[in-house]
Amino acid sequence: MSEENPKFEQQKEQLIRTLATMFDYLGLNGTFRVEMRDERISVKIASEDAGRVIGRKGQTLESLQLLANRIMFKTDNEFPHVMLDID
């Protein structure tokens, strides 16, 4: 998968750092598994705080995904779309 996109490893590290910082600010714990899927980056989040990460009707997870996409695109306008999923 990283053969298709040589920048993937760098993008993956940058995304994990950004998500870890966001989780830290929110007082949440989580681990992230990142993989490339069809021109998109899929992030599987494992967390004991899954309910808090998801939020009411998935709003928190949606907001985190929106912020992650905006931050990543601002630093690299060729950054693939990020999709967050939990447990």
N, C-alpha and C. Protein backbone atom coordinates (compact mmCIF):
# COMPACT_ATOMS: atom_id res chain seq x y z
N MET A 1 0.81 -1.19 0.00
CA MET A 1 0.00 0.00 0.00
C MET A 1 0.86 1.26 0.00
N SER A 2 1.92 1.24 0.79
CA SER A 2 2.78 2.41 0.79
C SER A 2 3.58 2.49 -0.51
N GLU A 3 3.60 1.35 -1.31
CA GLU A 3 4.26 1.42 -2.61
C GLU A 3 3.49 2.35 -3.54
N GLU A 4 2.17 2.37 -3.42
CA GLU A 4 1.33 3.22 -4.26
C GLU A 4 1.55 4.69 -3.92
N ASN A 5 1.78 4.98 -2.66
CA ASN A 5 1.94 6.35 -2.21
C ASN A 5 3.19 6.43 -1.33
N PRO A 6 4.32 6.83 -1.93
CA PRO A 6 5.57 6.84 -1.16
C PRO A 6 5.53 7.79 0.04
N LYS A 7 4.62 8.75 0.04
CA LYS A 7 4.51 9.69 1.16
C LYS A 7 3.67 9.13 2.29
N PHE A 8 3.10 7.93 2.11
CA PHE A 8 2.15 7.39 3.09
C PHE A 8 2.73 7.29 4.50
N GLU A 9 3.95 6.78 4.64
CA GLU A 9 4.53 6.63 5.97
C GLU A 9 4.66 7.97 6.67
N GLN A 10 5.09 8.99 5.95
CA GLN A 10 5.22 10.33 6.51
C GLN A 10 3.83 10.87 6.89
N GLN A 11 2.85 10.69 6.02
CA GLN A 11 1.49 11.15 6.30
C GLN A 11 0.92 10.42 7.50
N LYS A 12 1.19 9.12 7.59
CA LYS A 12 0.69 8.30 8.69
C LYS A 12 1.24 8.82 10.02
N GLU A 13 2.54 9.08 10.09
CA GLU A 13 3.15 9.58 11.32
C GLU A 13 2.58 10.95 11.71
N GLN A 14 2.41 11.82 10.73
CA GLN A 14 1.88 13.15 10.97
C GLN A 14 0.44 13.06 11.49
N LEU A 15 -0.36 12.19 10.90
CA LEU A 15 -1.75 12.02 11.32
C LEU A 15 -1.84 11.46 12.74
N ILE A 16 -1.02 10.47 13.05
CA ILE A 16 -1.03 9.88 14.39
C ILE A 16 -0.63 10.92 15.44
N ARG A 17 0.40 11.72 15.14
CA ARG A 17 0.80 12.80 16.06
C ARG A 17 -0.33 13.79 16.29
N THR A 18 -1.01 14.17 15.21
CA THR A 18 -2.11 15.13 15.32
C THR A 18 -3.26 14.55 16.13
N LEU A 19 -3.66 13.32 15.85
CA LEU A 19 -4.75 12.69 16.60
C LEU A 19 -4.38 12.51 18.07
N ALA A 20 -3.15 12.12 18.34
CA ALA A 20 -2.71 11.94 19.73
C ALA A 20 -2.77 13.27 20.48
N THR A 21 -2.39 14.36 19.82
CA THR A 21 -2.47 15.68 20.44
C THR A 21 -3.91 16.06 20.71
N MET A 22 -4.79 15.82 19.74
CA MET A 22 -6.21 16.13 19.92
C MET A 22 -6.79 15.33 21.09
N PHE A 23 -6.48 14.06 21.15
CA PHE A 23 -6.98 13.22 22.24
C PHE A 23 -6.43 13.70 23.58
N ASP A 24 -5.16 14.09 23.60
CA ASP A 24 -4.55 14.59 24.83
C ASP A 24 -5.27 15.83 25.33
N TYR A 25 -5.54 16.77 24.42
CA TYR A 25 -6.26 18.00 24.80
C TYR A 25 -7.66 17.69 25.35
N LEU A 26 -8.29 16.64 24.82
CA LEU A 26 -9.63 16.28 25.26
C LEU A 26 -9.63 15.36 26.49
N GLY A 27 -8.45 14.97 26.93
CA GLY A 27 -8.36 14.08 28.09
C GLY A 27 -8.79 12.66 27.78
N LEU A 28 -8.60 12.24 26.55
CA LEU A 28 -8.98 10.90 26.11
C LEU A 28 -7.74 10.05 25.87
N ASN A 29 -7.92 8.74 25.96
CA ASN A 29 -6.84 7.81 25.65
C ASN A 29 -7.26 7.00 24.43
N GLY A 30 -6.29 6.68 23.60
CA GLY A 30 -6.61 5.86 22.43
C GLY A 30 -5.36 5.44 21.70
N THR A 31 -5.50 4.36 20.93
CA THR A 31 -4.42 3.92 20.04
C THR A 31 -4.99 3.94 18.64
N PHE A 32 -4.11 4.17 17.67
CA PHE A 32 -4.54 4.38 16.30
C PHE A 32 -3.86 3.39 15.35
N ARG A 33 -4.66 2.74 14.52
CA ARG A 33 -4.14 1.87 13.46
C ARG A 33 -4.52 2.52 12.14
N VAL A 34 -3.53 2.88 11.37
CA VAL A 34 -3.75 3.65 10.14
C VAL A 34 -3.43 2.79 8.93
N GLU A 35 -4.32 2.81 7.94
CA GLU A 35 -4.06 2.09 6.69
C GLU A 35 -4.67 2.85 5.52
N MET A 36 -4.11 2.63 4.35
CA MET A 36 -4.59 3.28 3.14
C MET A 36 -5.67 2.41 2.52
N ARG A 37 -6.79 3.02 2.17
CA ARG A 37 -7.88 2.30 1.51
C ARG A 37 -8.46 3.17 0.41
N ASP A 38 -8.32 2.74 -0.83
CA ASP A 38 -8.92 3.46 -1.97
C ASP A 38 -8.68 4.96 -1.92
N GLU A 39 -7.47 5.39 -1.95
CA GLU A 39 -7.16 6.83 -1.96
C GLU A 39 -7.58 7.56 -0.70
N ARG A 40 -7.96 6.82 0.33
CA ARG A 40 -8.33 7.42 1.62
C ARG A 40 -7.50 6.79 2.71
N ILE A 41 -7.35 7.51 3.81
CA ILE A 41 -6.66 6.96 4.96
C ILE A 41 -7.72 6.58 5.99
N SER A 42 -7.72 5.33 6.38
CA SER A 42 -8.67 4.82 7.36
C SER A 42 -7.94 4.68 8.70
N VAL A 43 -8.54 5.24 9.75
CA VAL A 43 -7.95 5.17 11.08
C VAL A 43 -8.90 4.40 11.99
N LYS A 44 -8.43 3.29 12.52
CA LYS A 44 -9.20 2.53 13.51
C LYS A 44 -8.70 2.96 14.88
N ILE A 45 -9.60 3.45 15.70
CA ILE A 45 -9.25 3.92 17.03
C ILE A 45 -9.70 2.89 18.05
N ALA A 46 -8.80 2.52 18.95
CA ALA A 46 -9.14 1.65 20.07
C ALA A 46 -9.02 2.50 21.33
N SER A 47 -10.10 2.54 22.12
CA SER A 47 -10.10 3.39 23.30
C SER A 47 -11.04 2.86 24.37
N GLU A 48 -10.63 3.03 25.62
CA GLU A 48 -11.52 2.69 26.73
C GLU A 48 -12.60 3.76 26.87
N ASP A 49 -12.37 4.92 26.26
CA ASP A 49 -13.31 6.04 26.31
C ASP A 49 -14.16 6.08 25.04
N ALA A 50 -14.48 4.93 24.47
CA ALA A 50 -15.17 4.89 23.18
C ALA A 50 -16.46 5.71 23.18
N GLY A 51 -17.23 5.62 24.23
CA GLY A 51 -18.48 6.38 24.31
C GLY A 51 -18.25 7.88 24.23
N ARG A 52 -17.22 8.36 24.92
CA ARG A 52 -16.90 9.78 24.87
C ARG A 52 -16.37 10.19 23.51
N VAL A 53 -15.58 9.32 22.88
CA VAL A 53 -15.02 9.63 21.56
C VAL A 53 -16.15 9.70 20.52
N ILE A 54 -17.10 8.78 20.61
CA ILE A 54 -18.21 8.76 19.65
C ILE A 54 -19.14 9.95 19.88
N GLY A 55 -19.47 10.20 21.14
CA GLY A 55 -20.35 11.32 21.45
C GLY A 55 -21.80 11.02 21.12
N ARG A 56 -22.66 11.98 21.41
CA ARG A 56 -24.08 11.81 21.15
C ARG A 56 -24.33 11.74 19.64
N LYS A 57 -24.96 10.66 19.21
CA LYS A 57 -25.27 10.42 17.79
C LYS A 57 -24.04 10.52 16.89
N GLY A 58 -22.86 10.23 17.43
CA GLY A 58 -21.63 10.22 16.64
C GLY A 58 -21.06 11.59 16.34
N GLN A 59 -21.58 12.62 17.00
CA GLN A 59 -21.15 13.98 16.70
C GLN A 59 -19.69 14.25 17.03
N THR A 60 -19.19 13.71 18.15
CA THR A 60 -17.80 13.96 18.53
C THR A 60 -16.85 13.31 17.53
N LEU A 61 -17.13 12.07 17.16
CA LEU A 61 -16.29 11.37 16.19
C LEU A 61 -16.30 12.10 14.85
N GLU A 62 -17.48 12.55 14.44
CA GLU A 62 -17.61 13.31 13.19
C GLU A 62 -16.79 14.60 13.24
N SER A 63 -16.86 15.29 14.38
CA SER A 63 -16.12 16.54 14.55
C SER A 63 -14.61 16.29 14.53
N LEU A 64 -14.17 15.23 15.21
CA LEU A 64 -12.75 14.87 15.20
C LEU A 64 -12.28 14.57 13.77
N GLN A 65 -13.12 13.87 13.02
CA GLN A 65 -12.77 13.55 11.64
C GLN A 65 -12.67 14.82 10.80
N LEU A 66 -13.61 15.74 10.96
CA LEU A 66 -13.59 17.00 10.23
C LEU A 66 -12.33 17.80 10.56
N LEU A 67 -12.03 17.91 11.85
CA LEU A 67 -10.83 18.65 12.27
C LEU A 67 -9.56 18.00 11.74
N ALA A 68 -9.48 16.69 11.83
CA ALA A 68 -8.29 15.97 11.34
C ALA A 68 -8.10 16.24 9.85
N ASN A 69 -9.18 16.18 9.09
CA ASN A 69 -9.09 16.44 7.65
C ASN A 69 -8.65 17.87 7.36
N ARG A 70 -9.21 18.82 8.08
CA ARG A 70 -8.84 20.23 7.86
C ARG A 70 -7.38 20.48 8.20
N ILE A 71 -6.93 19.94 9.34
CA ILE A 71 -5.54 20.14 9.77
C ILE A 71 -4.58 19.50 8.77
N MET A 72 -4.87 18.27 8.37
CA MET A 72 -3.98 17.56 7.45
C MET A 72 -3.95 18.25 6.08
N PHE A 73 -5.11 18.68 5.60
CA PHE A 73 -5.16 19.33 4.29
C PHE A 73 -4.46 20.68 4.31
N LYS A 74 -4.52 21.36 5.44
CA LYS A 74 -3.86 22.67 5.54
C LYS A 74 -2.34 22.53 5.46
N THR A 75 -1.80 21.46 6.04
CA THR A 75 -0.36 21.25 6.00
C THR A 75 0.11 20.65 4.67
N ASP A 76 -0.78 19.90 4.00
CA ASP A 76 -0.43 19.25 2.73
C ASP A 76 -1.70 19.13 1.90
N ASN A 77 -1.85 20.01 0.89
CA ASN A 77 -3.11 20.02 0.14
C ASN A 77 -3.31 18.79 -0.75
N GLU A 78 -2.37 17.84 -0.73
CA GLU A 78 -2.55 16.58 -1.42
C GLU A 78 -2.81 15.43 -0.44
N PHE A 79 -3.03 15.77 0.82
CA PHE A 79 -3.27 14.75 1.84
C PHE A 79 -4.59 14.04 1.55
N PRO A 80 -4.59 12.70 1.58
CA PRO A 80 -5.85 11.96 1.30
C PRO A 80 -6.89 12.23 2.38
N HIS A 81 -8.15 11.99 2.04
CA HIS A 81 -9.25 12.14 2.99
C HIS A 81 -9.07 11.14 4.14
N VAL A 82 -9.33 11.59 5.36
CA VAL A 82 -9.18 10.75 6.55
C VAL A 82 -10.56 10.30 7.03
N MET A 83 -10.70 9.01 7.28
CA MET A 83 -11.93 8.46 7.83
C MET A 83 -11.62 7.84 9.18
N LEU A 84 -12.33 8.27 10.22
CA LEU A 84 -12.13 7.74 11.57
C LEU A 84 -13.20 6.71 11.89
N ASP A 85 -12.79 5.63 12.55
CA ASP A 85 -13.71 4.59 13.01
C ASP A 85 -13.22 4.15 14.39
N ILE A 86 -14.14 3.80 15.26
CA ILE A 86 -13.71 3.41 16.61
C ILE A 86 -14.22 2.01 16.94
N ASP A 87 -13.38 1.26 17.63
CA ASP A 87 -13.64 -0.10 18.08
C ASP A 87 -14.50 -0.85 17.09
